[in-house]
Amino acid sequence: MSEYKDHPLAAIFPLMEPSELKELGEDIRRNTQRAPITLYENKILDGRNRYRACLSANVEPKTRQYTGGDPLGFVISANLKRKHLDESQRAMVAARLVTMQNGGDRRSDQSANLPSEKSNSQAAKELSVSERTVRTAKTVLREAPKRIIKAVEQGKKTVSAAAKEIKAKAKTKTQHHDKTGHVIPEEILSDWREAESMEDLLKQVHRIKLKVEKALEDRELVFREITNSTVADLQNAWSALQGLIPYAVCPTCEGINRANCTLCKQRGFLSKFAYEHYVPKKTRDVREAKSA
């Protein structure tokens, strides 16, 4: 059976759903392939769905060569005539056209000949939509999850509704707060989390200290080499490790310009002890009032 790859220009229109392809394949198997698949540069310019349906039905696909001088215009015309696309679906096609020709959505052979780049306004005119709708569709293609893109391409959601979902999600993006309720900036979030992980080590040191204290109190034989100075050392280690645990974003550098901050020592955050002892009460009160 002949094998063909998709031409990049064909990718501006989405493929059928698997269930639809299966139905088309069954129809081709029973009633033969009605329209030939159009090839250009030995790739499928039009008829990607028919080709896949033929493969699923184990039917040799019928093909023809495109001999015109405007392959992009042919793809747009052929698909718009067959499919009843709403404004949002056409806008998605226009957005794919612009991004593909700017190198942002090429999934096939990069050496394939593509027409010159089109602007938003040119693509909008070709697909009979507004330039603003094309810009919105480009945002959806760039930022929306696949399920939303798919819903728009299937005509189940408008591009404006999809864009609103993206915007709402950005606004409600999970924020992380310190112990005072202040937002932890992205710049120090990874360091904050790494420092927070030291809490487990802190707990282990505390457990060891309690174990040693109890063993010495009970005069356990195996601990005869251990003295009270070891308990003191463990206590000092525990106290020192507490300074690693983040409590509040540094009020001086705000965790953003921390490179030269002497208060937090370039960490961007302070331990509870440092926050309560080195930050003026007035500053703390203002910080916590804003976070309340």
C-alpha atoms as a PDB file:
ATOM      1  CA  MET A   1       0.000   0.000   0.000  1.00  0.00           C
ATOM      2  CA  SER A   2       1.287   3.462  -0.895  1.00  0.00           C
ATOM      3  CA  GLU A   3       2.598   5.559   1.982  1.00  0.00           C
ATOM      4  CA  TYR A   4       2.482   9.330   2.130  1.00  0.00           C
ATOM      5  CA  LYS A   5       3.309  11.999   4.670  1.00  0.00           C
ATOM      6  CA  ASP A   6       1.185  15.084   5.317  1.00  0.00           C
ATOM      7  CA  HIS A   7       2.172  18.309   3.640  1.00  0.00           C
ATOM      8  CA  PRO A   8       2.698  21.160   6.176  1.00  0.00           C
ATOM      9  CA  LEU A   9      -0.044  23.210   4.499  1.00  0.00           C
ATOM     10  CA  ALA A  10      -2.615  20.488   5.194  1.00  0.00           C
ATOM     11  CA  ALA A  11      -2.008  20.820   8.945  1.00  0.00           C
ATOM     12  CA  ILE A  12      -3.845  24.142   9.188  1.00  0.00           C
ATOM     13  CA  PHE A  13      -7.094  22.145   9.298  1.00  0.00           C
ATOM     14  CA  PRO A  14      -7.559  19.632  12.164  1.00  0.00           C
ATOM     15  CA  LEU A  15      -7.998  15.922  11.595  1.00  0.00           C
ATOM     16  CA  MET A  16     -11.216  14.043  12.276  1.00  0.00           C
ATOM     17  CA  GLU A  17     -11.803  12.330  15.574  1.00  0.00           C
ATOM     18  CA  PRO A  18     -10.837   8.602  15.675  1.00  0.00           C
ATOM     19  CA  SER A  19     -14.501   7.550  15.762  1.00  0.00           C
ATOM     20  CA  GLU A  20     -15.235   9.669  12.680  1.00  0.00           C
ATOM     21  CA  LEU A  21     -12.230   8.238  10.846  1.00  0.00           C
ATOM     22  CA  LYS A  22     -13.446   4.750  11.653  1.00  0.00           C
ATOM     23  CA  GLU A  23     -16.873   5.528  10.187  1.00  0.00           C
ATOM     24  CA  LEU A  24     -15.286   7.007   7.078  1.00  0.00           C
ATOM     25  CA  GLY A  25     -13.095   3.947   6.703  1.00  0.00           C
ATOM     26  CA  GLU A  26     -16.120   1.662   6.893  1.00  0.00           C
ATOM     27  CA  ASP A  27     -17.891   3.766   4.280  1.00  0.00           C
ATOM     28  CA  ILE A  28     -14.888   3.604   1.942  1.00  0.00           C
ATOM     29  CA  ARG A  29     -14.626  -0.148   2.425  1.00  0.00           C
ATOM     30  CA  ARG A  30     -18.292  -0.612   1.525  1.00  0.00           C
ATOM     31  CA  ASN A  31     -18.769   2.076  -1.124  1.00  0.00           C
ATOM     32  CA  THR A  32     -15.203   2.799  -2.342  1.00  0.00           C
ATOM     33  CA  GLN A  33     -13.332   6.103  -2.105  1.00  0.00           C
ATOM     34  CA  ARG A  34     -15.357   8.829  -3.825  1.00  0.00           C
ATOM     35  CA  ALA A  35     -12.893  11.723  -3.986  1.00  0.00           C
ATOM     36  CA  PRO A  36      -9.173  11.266  -4.706  1.00  0.00           C
ATOM     37  CA  ILE A  37      -6.433  12.416  -2.311  1.00  0.00           C
ATOM     38  CA  THR A  38      -4.498  15.387  -3.661  1.00  0.00           C
ATOM     39  CA  LEU A  39      -0.713  15.150  -3.531  1.00  0.00           C
ATOM     40  CA  TYR A  40       1.795  17.975  -3.745  1.00  0.00           C
ATOM     41  CA  GLU A  41       5.550  17.476  -3.490  1.00  0.00           C
ATOM     42  CA  ASN A  42       4.691  13.795  -2.957  1.00  0.00           C
ATOM     43  CA  LYS A  43       2.856  14.682   0.267  1.00  0.00           C
ATOM     44  CA  ILE A  44      -0.830  14.856   1.099  1.00  0.00           C
ATOM     45  CA  LEU A  45      -2.039  18.370   0.383  1.00  0.00           C
ATOM     46  CA  ASP A  46      -5.723  17.537   0.771  1.00  0.00           C
ATOM     47  CA  GLY A  47      -7.392  14.344   1.949  1.00  0.00           C
ATOM     48  CA  ARG A  48      -5.514  13.443   5.132  1.00  0.00           C
ATOM     49  CA  ASN A  49      -8.698  12.016   6.639  1.00  0.00           C
ATOM     50  CA  ARG A  50      -9.495   9.981   3.516  1.00  0.00           C
ATOM     51  CA  TYR A  51      -5.938   8.628   3.487  1.00  0.00           C
ATOM     52  CA  ARG A  52      -6.116   7.507   7.111  1.00  0.00           C
ATOM     53  CA  ALA A  53      -9.562   6.035   6.557  1.00  0.00           C
ATOM     54  CA  CYS A  54      -8.219   4.053   3.575  1.00  0.00           C
ATOM     55  CA  LEU A  55      -5.399   2.704   5.724  1.00  0.00           C
ATOM     56  CA  SER A  56      -7.825   1.619   8.449  1.00  0.00           C
ATOM     57  CA  ALA A  57     -10.035  -0.074   5.839  1.00  0.00           C
ATOM     58  CA  ASN A  58      -7.009  -1.650   4.107  1.00  0.00           C
ATOM     59  CA  VAL A  59      -7.994   0.017   0.832  1.00  0.00           C
ATOM     60  CA  GLU A  60      -5.402   1.329  -1.627  1.00  0.00           C
ATOM     61  CA  PRO A  61      -5.958   5.134  -1.679  1.00  0.00           C
ATOM     62  CA  LYS A  62      -6.780   6.870  -4.953  1.00  0.00           C
ATOM     63  CA  THR A  63      -4.592   9.925  -5.509  1.00  0.00           C
ATOM     64  CA  ARG A  64      -4.004  12.746  -7.948  1.00  0.00           C
ATOM     65  CA  GLN A  65      -1.284  15.379  -8.293  1.00  0.00           C
ATOM     66  CA  TYR A  66      -1.895  19.053  -7.655  1.00  0.00           C
ATOM     67  CA  THR A  67      -0.749  21.022 -10.696  1.00  0.00           C
ATOM     68  CA  GLY A  68      -1.936  24.517  -9.789  1.00  0.00           C
ATOM     69  CA  GLY A  69       0.137  27.459  -8.623  1.00  0.00           C
ATOM     70  CA  ASP A  70      -1.552  28.239  -5.295  1.00  0.00           C
ATOM     71  CA  PRO A  71      -1.423  25.170  -3.029  1.00  0.00           C
ATOM     72  CA  LEU A  72      -2.419  27.145   0.081  1.00  0.00           C
ATOM     73  CA  GLY A  73      -5.420  28.680  -1.656  1.00  0.00           C
ATOM     74  CA  PHE A  74      -6.387  25.198  -2.821  1.00  0.00           C
ATOM     75  CA  VAL A  75      -6.243  23.776   0.718  1.00  0.00           C
ATOM     76  CA  ILE A  76      -8.345  26.603   2.140  1.00  0.00           C
ATOM     77  CA  SER A  77     -10.891  26.499  -0.678  1.00  0.00           C
ATOM     78  CA  ALA A  78     -11.251  22.705  -0.664  1.00  0.00           C
ATOM     79  CA  ASN A  79     -11.753  22.493   3.085  1.00  0.00           C
ATOM     80  CA  LEU A  80     -14.059  25.478   3.449  1.00  0.00           C
ATOM     81  CA  LYS A  81     -16.313  24.158   0.702  1.00  0.00           C
ATOM     82  CA  ARG A  82     -16.635  20.735   2.326  1.00  0.00           C
ATOM     83  CA  LYS A  83     -16.835  21.785   5.944  1.00  0.00           C
ATOM     84  CA  HIS A  84     -19.298  24.129   7.575  1.00  0.00           C
ATOM     85  CA  LEU A  85     -16.925  25.913   9.951  1.00  0.00           C
ATOM     86  CA  ASP A  86     -18.084  28.610  12.326  1.00  0.00           C
ATOM     87  CA  GLU A  87     -16.178  31.857  12.918  1.00  0.00           C
ATOM     88  CA  SER A  88     -14.075  30.463  15.776  1.00  0.00           C
ATOM     89  CA  GLN A  89     -13.077  27.380  13.810  1.00  0.00           C
ATOM     90  CA  ARG A  90     -12.047  29.537  10.846  1.00  0.00           C
ATOM     91  CA  ALA A  91     -10.102  31.807  13.197  1.00  0.00           C
ATOM     92  CA  MET A  92      -8.174  28.782  14.494  1.00  0.00           C
ATOM     93  CA  VAL A  93      -7.299  27.842  10.917  1.00  0.00           C
ATOM     94  CA  ALA A  94      -6.106  31.403  10.267  1.00  0.00           C
ATOM     95  CA  ALA A  95      -4.040  31.358  13.472  1.00  0.00           C
ATOM     96  CA  ARG A  96      -2.432  28.044  12.507  1.00  0.00           C
ATOM     97  CA  LEU A  97      -1.662  29.473   9.088  1.00  0.00           C
ATOM     98  CA  VAL A  98       0.145  32.486  10.554  1.00  0.00           C
ATOM     99  CA  THR A  99       2.054  30.533  13.222  1.00  0.00           C
ATOM    100  CA  MET A 100       3.001  27.759  10.797  1.00  0.00           C
ATOM    101  CA  GLN A 101       4.435  30.170   8.263  1.00  0.00           C
ATOM    102  CA  ASN A 102       6.364  31.927  11.018  1.00  0.00           C
ATOM    103  CA  GLY A 103       7.941  28.621  12.028  1.00  0.00           C
ATOM    104  CA  GLY A 104       5.808  28.117  15.131  1.00  0.00           C
ATOM    105  CA  ASP A 105       3.719  25.153  14.101  1.00  0.00           C
ATOM    106  CA  ARG A 106       5.643  23.144  11.545  1.00  0.00           C
ATOM    107  CA  ARG A 107       5.420  19.453  12.246  1.00  0.00           C
ATOM    108  CA  SER A 108       6.582  18.071   8.906  1.00  0.00           C
ATOM    109  CA  ASP A 109       9.588  18.309   6.642  1.00  0.00           C
ATOM    110  CA  GLN A 110      11.131  21.745   7.099  1.00  0.00           C
ATOM    111  CA  SER A 111      12.407  21.705   3.535  1.00  0.00           C
ATOM    112  CA  ALA A 112       8.889  21.643   2.098  1.00  0.00           C
ATOM    113  CA  ASN A 113       8.054  24.731   0.059  1.00  0.00           C
ATOM    114  CA  LEU A 114       5.751  27.076   1.931  1.00  0.00           C
ATOM    115  CA  PRO A 115       4.248  30.286   0.619  1.00  0.00           C
ATOM    116  CA  SER A 116       5.470  33.614   1.914  1.00  0.00           C
ATOM    117  CA  GLU A 117       4.478  34.598   5.440  1.00  0.00           C
ATOM    118  CA  LYS A 118       1.044  36.023   6.000  1.00  0.00           C
ATOM    119  CA  SER A 119       0.119  38.674   8.522  1.00  0.00           C
ATOM    120  CA  ASN A 120      -2.826  38.430  10.870  1.00  0.00           C
ATOM    121  CA  SER A 121      -4.845  40.691   8.591  1.00  0.00           C
ATOM    122  CA  GLN A 122      -4.069  38.642   5.476  1.00  0.00           C
ATOM    123  CA  ALA A 123      -4.977  35.379   7.158  1.00  0.00           C
ATOM    124  CA  ALA A 124      -8.122  36.959   8.571  1.00  0.00           C
ATOM    125  CA  LYS A 125      -9.192  38.065   5.108  1.00  0.00           C
ATOM    126  CA  GLU A 126      -8.574  34.615   3.606  1.00  0.00           C
ATOM    127  CA  LEU A 127     -10.683  32.903   6.277  1.00  0.00           C
ATOM    128  CA  SER A 128     -13.363  35.617   6.465  1.00  0.00           C
ATOM    129  CA  VAL A 129     -12.845  36.512  10.118  1.00  0.00           C
ATOM    130  CA  SER A 130     -11.741  39.635  11.951  1.00  0.00           C
ATOM    131  CA  GLU A 131      -8.084  40.320  12.649  1.00  0.00           C
ATOM    132  CA  ARG A 132      -8.922  40.602  16.348  1.00  0.00           C
ATOM    133  CA  THR A 133     -10.404  37.101  16.323  1.00  0.00           C
ATOM    134  CA  VAL A 134      -7.233  35.768  14.708  1.00  0.00           C
ATOM    135  CA  ARG A 135      -5.125  37.350  17.450  1.00  0.00           C
ATOM    136  CA  THR A 136      -7.376  35.744  20.062  1.00  0.00           C
ATOM    137  CA  ALA A 137      -7.103  32.375  18.313  1.00  0.00           C
ATOM    138  CA  LYS A 138      -3.298  32.673  18.307  1.00  0.00           C
ATOM    139  CA  THR A 139      -3.414  33.195  22.068  1.00  0.00           C
ATOM    140  CA  VAL A 140      -5.574  30.090  22.435  1.00  0.00           C
ATOM    141  CA  LEU A 141      -3.161  28.023  20.326  1.00  0.00           C
ATOM    142  CA  ARG A 142      -0.197  29.294  22.322  1.00  0.00           C
ATOM    143  CA  GLU A 143      -1.557  29.127  25.875  1.00  0.00           C
ATOM    144  CA  ALA A 144      -4.611  26.858  26.083  1.00  0.00           C
ATOM    145  CA  PRO A 145      -4.397  23.167  26.990  1.00  0.00           C
ATOM    146  CA  LYS A 146      -5.099  20.676  24.210  1.00  0.00           C
ATOM    147  CA  ARG A 147      -8.625  19.916  25.420  1.00  0.00           C
ATOM    148  CA  ILE A 148      -9.679  23.556  25.013  1.00  0.00           C
ATOM    149  CA  ILE A 149      -8.029  23.870  21.594  1.00  0.00           C
ATOM    150  CA  LYS A 150      -9.817  20.707  20.554  1.00  0.00           C
ATOM    151  CA  ALA A 151     -13.169  22.033  21.812  1.00  0.00           C
ATOM    152  CA  VAL A 152     -12.783  25.202  19.720  1.00  0.00           C
ATOM    153  CA  GLU A 153     -11.740  23.248  16.623  1.00  0.00           C
ATOM    154  CA  GLN A 154     -14.776  20.992  17.037  1.00  0.00           C
ATOM    155  CA  GLY A 155     -17.095  23.974  17.310  1.00  0.00           C
ATOM    156  CA  LYS A 156     -17.975  23.252  20.930  1.00  0.00           C
ATOM    157  CA  LYS A 157     -16.420  26.442  22.277  1.00  0.00           C
ATOM    158  CA  THR A 158     -15.731  29.909  20.873  1.00  0.00           C
ATOM    159  CA  VAL A 159     -12.258  31.402  20.798  1.00  0.00           C
ATOM    160  CA  SER A 160     -13.428  34.261  23.017  1.00  0.00           C
ATOM    161  CA  ALA A 161     -14.727  31.812  25.630  1.00  0.00           C
ATOM    162  CA  ALA A 162     -11.457  29.872  25.457  1.00  0.00           C
ATOM    163  CA  ALA A 163      -9.458  33.083  25.873  1.00  0.00           C
ATOM    164  CA  LYS A 164     -11.531  34.022  28.917  1.00  0.00           C
ATOM    165  CA  GLU A 165     -10.778  30.625  30.460  1.00  0.00           C
ATOM    166  CA  ILE A 166      -7.059  31.168  29.914  1.00  0.00           C
ATOM    167  CA  LYS A 167      -7.234  34.626  31.486  1.00  0.00           C
ATOM    168  CA  ALA A 168      -9.256  33.407  34.451  1.00  0.00           C
ATOM    169  CA  LYS A 169      -6.838  30.542  35.041  1.00  0.00           C
ATOM    170  CA  ALA A 170      -3.893  32.951  34.955  1.00  0.00           C
ATOM    171  CA  LYS A 171      -5.565  35.127  37.576  1.00  0.00           C
ATOM    172  CA  THR A 172      -6.307  32.187  39.846  1.00  0.00           C
ATOM    173  CA  LYS A 173      -2.897  30.595  39.368  1.00  0.00           C
ATOM    174  CA  THR A 174      -1.879  28.969  42.615  1.00  0.00           C
ATOM    175  CA  GLN A 175       0.084  31.333  44.804  1.00  0.00           C
ATOM    176  CA  HIS A 176       2.337  30.223  47.617  1.00  0.00           C
ATOM    177  CA  HIS A 177       2.431  32.182  50.862  1.00  0.00           C
ATOM    178  CA  ASP A 178       4.890  32.410  53.712  1.00  0.00           C
ATOM    179  CA  LYS A 179       3.883  31.907  57.343  1.00  0.00           C
ATOM    180  CA  THR A 180       2.781  35.539  57.606  1.00  0.00           C
ATOM    181  CA  GLY A 181       0.456  35.279  54.598  1.00  0.00           C
ATOM    182  CA  HIS A 182       2.788  37.154  52.237  1.00  0.00           C
ATOM    183  CA  VAL A 183       3.078  35.839  48.661  1.00  0.00           C
ATOM    184  CA  ILE A 184       6.339  34.006  47.940  1.00  0.00           C
ATOM    185  CA  PRO A 185       7.726  35.342  44.618  1.00  0.00           C
ATOM    186  CA  GLU A 186       8.614  32.862  41.881  1.00  0.00           C
ATOM    187  CA  GLU A 187      12.244  34.016  42.037  1.00  0.00           C
ATOM    188  CA  ILE A 188      12.821  32.289  45.386  1.00  0.00           C
ATOM    189  CA  LEU A 189      10.145  29.596  45.388  1.00  0.00           C
ATOM    190  CA  SER A 190      12.500  26.732  44.486  1.00  0.00           C
ATOM    191  CA  ASP A 191      15.007  27.787  47.179  1.00  0.00           C
ATOM    192  CA  TRP A 192      12.165  28.176  49.674  1.00  0.00           C
ATOM    193  CA  ARG A 193      10.951  24.632  49.007  1.00  0.00           C
ATOM    194  CA  GLU A 194      14.477  23.223  49.255  1.00  0.00           C
ATOM    195  CA  ALA A 195      14.936  24.956  52.605  1.00  0.00           C
ATOM    196  CA  GLU A 196      11.539  23.722  53.787  1.00  0.00           C
ATOM    197  CA  SER A 197      12.639  20.157  53.092  1.00  0.00           C
ATOM    198  CA  MET A 198      15.190  20.566  55.888  1.00  0.00           C
ATOM    199  CA  GLU A 199      12.335  20.315  58.396  1.00  0.00           C
ATOM    200  CA  ASP A 200      12.551  16.524  58.155  1.00  0.00           C
ATOM    201  CA  LEU A 201      16.240  16.675  59.066  1.00  0.00           C
ATOM    202  CA  LEU A 202      15.405  18.995  61.943  1.00  0.00           C
ATOM    203  CA  LYS A 203      12.882  16.494  63.282  1.00  0.00           C
ATOM    204  CA  GLN A 204      15.415  13.679  63.014  1.00  0.00           C
ATOM    205  CA  VAL A 205      18.002  15.626  65.008  1.00  0.00           C
ATOM    206  CA  HIS A 206      15.354  16.347  67.653  1.00  0.00           C
ATOM    207  CA  ARG A 207      14.425  12.669  67.855  1.00  0.00           C
ATOM    208  CA  ILE A 208      18.086  11.688  68.227  1.00  0.00           C
ATOM    209  CA  LYS A 209      18.532  14.260  70.986  1.00  0.00           C
ATOM    210  CA  LEU A 210      15.509  12.905  72.890  1.00  0.00           C
ATOM    211  CA  LYS A 211      16.745   9.348  72.421  1.00  0.00           C
ATOM    212  CA  VAL A 212      20.217  10.195  73.769  1.00  0.00           C
ATOM    213  CA  GLU A 213      18.784  12.124  76.716  1.00  0.00           C
ATOM    214  CA  LYS A 214      16.550   9.197  77.652  1.00  0.00           C
ATOM    215  CA  ALA A 215      19.390   6.702  77.267  1.00  0.00           C
ATOM    216  CA  LEU A 216      21.678   8.728  79.526  1.00  0.00           C
ATOM    217  CA  GLU A 217      18.912   9.142  82.083  1.00  0.00           C
ATOM    218  CA  ASP A 218      18.310   5.379  82.084  1.00  0.00           C
ATOM    219  CA  ARG A 219      22.074   4.693  82.126  1.00  0.00           C
ATOM    220  CA  GLU A 220      21.811   2.387  79.136  1.00  0.00           C
ATOM    221  CA  LEU A 221      24.932   0.315  78.653  1.00  0.00           C
ATOM    222  CA  VAL A 222      25.396   0.948  74.945  1.00  0.00           C
ATOM    223  CA  PHE A 223      25.481   4.708  75.552  1.00  0.00           C
ATOM    224  CA  ARG A 224      28.339   4.613  78.106  1.00  0.00           C
ATOM    225  CA  GLU A 225      30.677   6.409  75.678  1.00  0.00           C
ATOM    226  CA  ILE A 226      28.181   9.293  75.339  1.00  0.00           C
ATOM    227  CA  THR A 227      28.223  12.264  77.690  1.00  0.00           C
ATOM    228  CA  ASN A 228      25.939  15.229  78.346  1.00  0.00           C
ATOM    229  CA  SER A 229      28.153  17.302  76.061  1.00  0.00           C
ATOM    230  CA  THR A 230      26.762  15.249  73.156  1.00  0.00           C
ATOM    231  CA  VAL A 231      23.255  16.301  74.162  1.00  0.00           C
ATOM    232  CA  ALA A 232      24.417  19.919  74.183  1.00  0.00           C
ATOM    233  CA  ASP A 233      25.957  19.479  70.736  1.00  0.00           C
ATOM    234  CA  LEU A 234      22.720  18.022  69.414  1.00  0.00           C
ATOM    235  CA  GLN A 235      20.785  20.909  70.943  1.00  0.00           C
ATOM    236  CA  ASN A 236      23.127  23.387  69.251  1.00  0.00           C
ATOM    237  CA  ALA A 237      22.773  21.579  65.938  1.00  0.00           C
ATOM    238  CA  TRP A 238      18.992  21.633  66.267  1.00  0.00           C
ATOM    239  CA  SER A 239      19.000  25.360  67.023  1.00  0.00           C
ATOM    240  CA  ALA A 240      21.298  26.090  64.085  1.00  0.00           C
ATOM    241  CA  LEU A 241      19.172  24.041  61.702  1.00  0.00           C
ATOM    242  CA  GLN A 242      16.105  26.019  62.722  1.00  0.00           C
ATOM    243  CA  GLY A 243      17.730  28.993  61.042  1.00  0.00           C
ATOM    244  CA  LEU A 244      17.457  27.134  57.726  1.00  0.00           C
ATOM    245  CA  ILE A 245      13.694  26.800  57.873  1.00  0.00           C
ATOM    246  CA  PRO A 246      11.975  29.632  55.950  1.00  0.00           C
ATOM    247  CA  TYR A 247       9.293  31.575  57.752  1.00  0.00           C
ATOM    248  CA  ALA A 248       8.821  34.897  55.953  1.00  0.00           C
ATOM    249  CA  VAL A 249       9.804  36.568  52.703  1.00  0.00           C
ATOM    250  CA  CYS A 250      12.514  39.106  53.446  1.00  0.00           C
ATOM    251  CA  PRO A 251      10.837  42.532  53.883  1.00  0.00           C
ATOM    252  CA  THR A 252      13.971  44.322  52.688  1.00  0.00           C
ATOM    253  CA  CYS A 253      14.541  42.719  49.281  1.00  0.00           C
ATOM    254  CA  GLU A 254      11.071  41.112  48.988  1.00  0.00           C
ATOM    255  CA  GLY A 255      12.820  38.015  47.674  1.00  0.00           C
ATOM    256  CA  ILE A 256      13.281  39.698  44.281  1.00  0.00           C
ATOM    257  CA  ASN A 257      16.425  41.827  44.577  1.00  0.00           C
ATOM    258  CA  ARG A 258      18.225  39.567  47.022  1.00  0.00           C
ATOM    259  CA  ALA A 259      21.715  39.536  45.500  1.00  0.00           C
ATOM    260  CA  ASN A 260      23.043  42.243  47.841  1.00  0.00           C
ATOM    261  CA  CYS A 261      20.606  41.904  50.736  1.00  0.00           C
ATOM    262  CA  THR A 262      22.396  41.666  54.081  1.00  0.00           C
ATOM    263  CA  LEU A 263      19.269  41.040  56.142  1.00  0.00           C
ATOM    264  CA  CYS A 264      18.407  37.699  54.572  1.00  0.00           C
ATOM    265  CA  LYS A 265      21.989  36.979  53.444  1.00  0.00           C
ATOM    266  CA  GLN A 266      20.866  36.664  49.818  1.00  0.00           C
ATOM    267  CA  ARG A 267      18.375  33.890  50.561  1.00  0.00           C
ATOM    268  CA  GLY A 268      15.321  36.073  49.977  1.00  0.00           C
ATOM    269  CA  PHE A 269      13.621  34.796  53.117  1.00  0.00           C
ATOM    270  CA  LEU A 270      14.114  34.700  56.881  1.00  0.00           C
ATOM    271  CA  SER A 271      13.719  32.113  59.604  1.00  0.00           C
ATOM    272  CA  LYS A 272      11.129  32.706  62.301  1.00  0.00           C
ATOM    273  CA  PHE A 273      13.828  33.771  64.773  1.00  0.00           C
ATOM    274  CA  ALA A 274      15.380  36.239  62.317  1.00  0.00           C
ATOM    275  CA  TYR A 275      11.992  37.648  61.333  1.00  0.00           C
ATOM    276  CA  GLU A 276      10.898  38.215  64.922  1.00  0.00           C
ATOM    277  CA  HIS A 277      14.237  39.556  66.190  1.00  0.00           C
ATOM    278  CA  TYR A 278      15.732  41.491  63.276  1.00  0.00           C
ATOM    279  CA  VAL A 279      12.662  42.976  61.605  1.00  0.00           C
ATOM    280  CA  PRO A 280      11.124  46.008  63.373  1.00  0.00           C
ATOM    281  CA  LYS A 281       7.694  45.338  64.867  1.00  0.00           C
ATOM    282  CA  LYS A 282       6.173  48.193  62.873  1.00  0.00           C
ATOM    283  CA  THR A 283       7.372  46.598  59.637  1.00  0.00           C
ATOM    284  CA  ARG A 284       6.014  43.226  60.711  1.00  0.00           C
ATOM    285  CA  ASP A 285       2.655  44.728  61.641  1.00  0.00           C
ATOM    286  CA  VAL A 286       2.335  46.471  58.269  1.00  0.00           C
ATOM    287  CA  ARG A 287       3.322  43.277  56.405  1.00  0.00           C
ATOM    288  CA  GLU A 288       0.872  41.088  58.286  1.00  0.00           C
ATOM    289  CA  ALA A 289      -1.942  43.641  58.033  1.00  0.00           C
ATOM    290  CA  LYS A 290      -1.635  43.630  54.234  1.00  0.00           C
ATOM    291  CA  SER A 291      -1.686  39.853  54.163  1.00  0.00           C
ATOM    292  CA  ALA A 292      -4.690  39.540  56.463  1.00  0.00           C
END
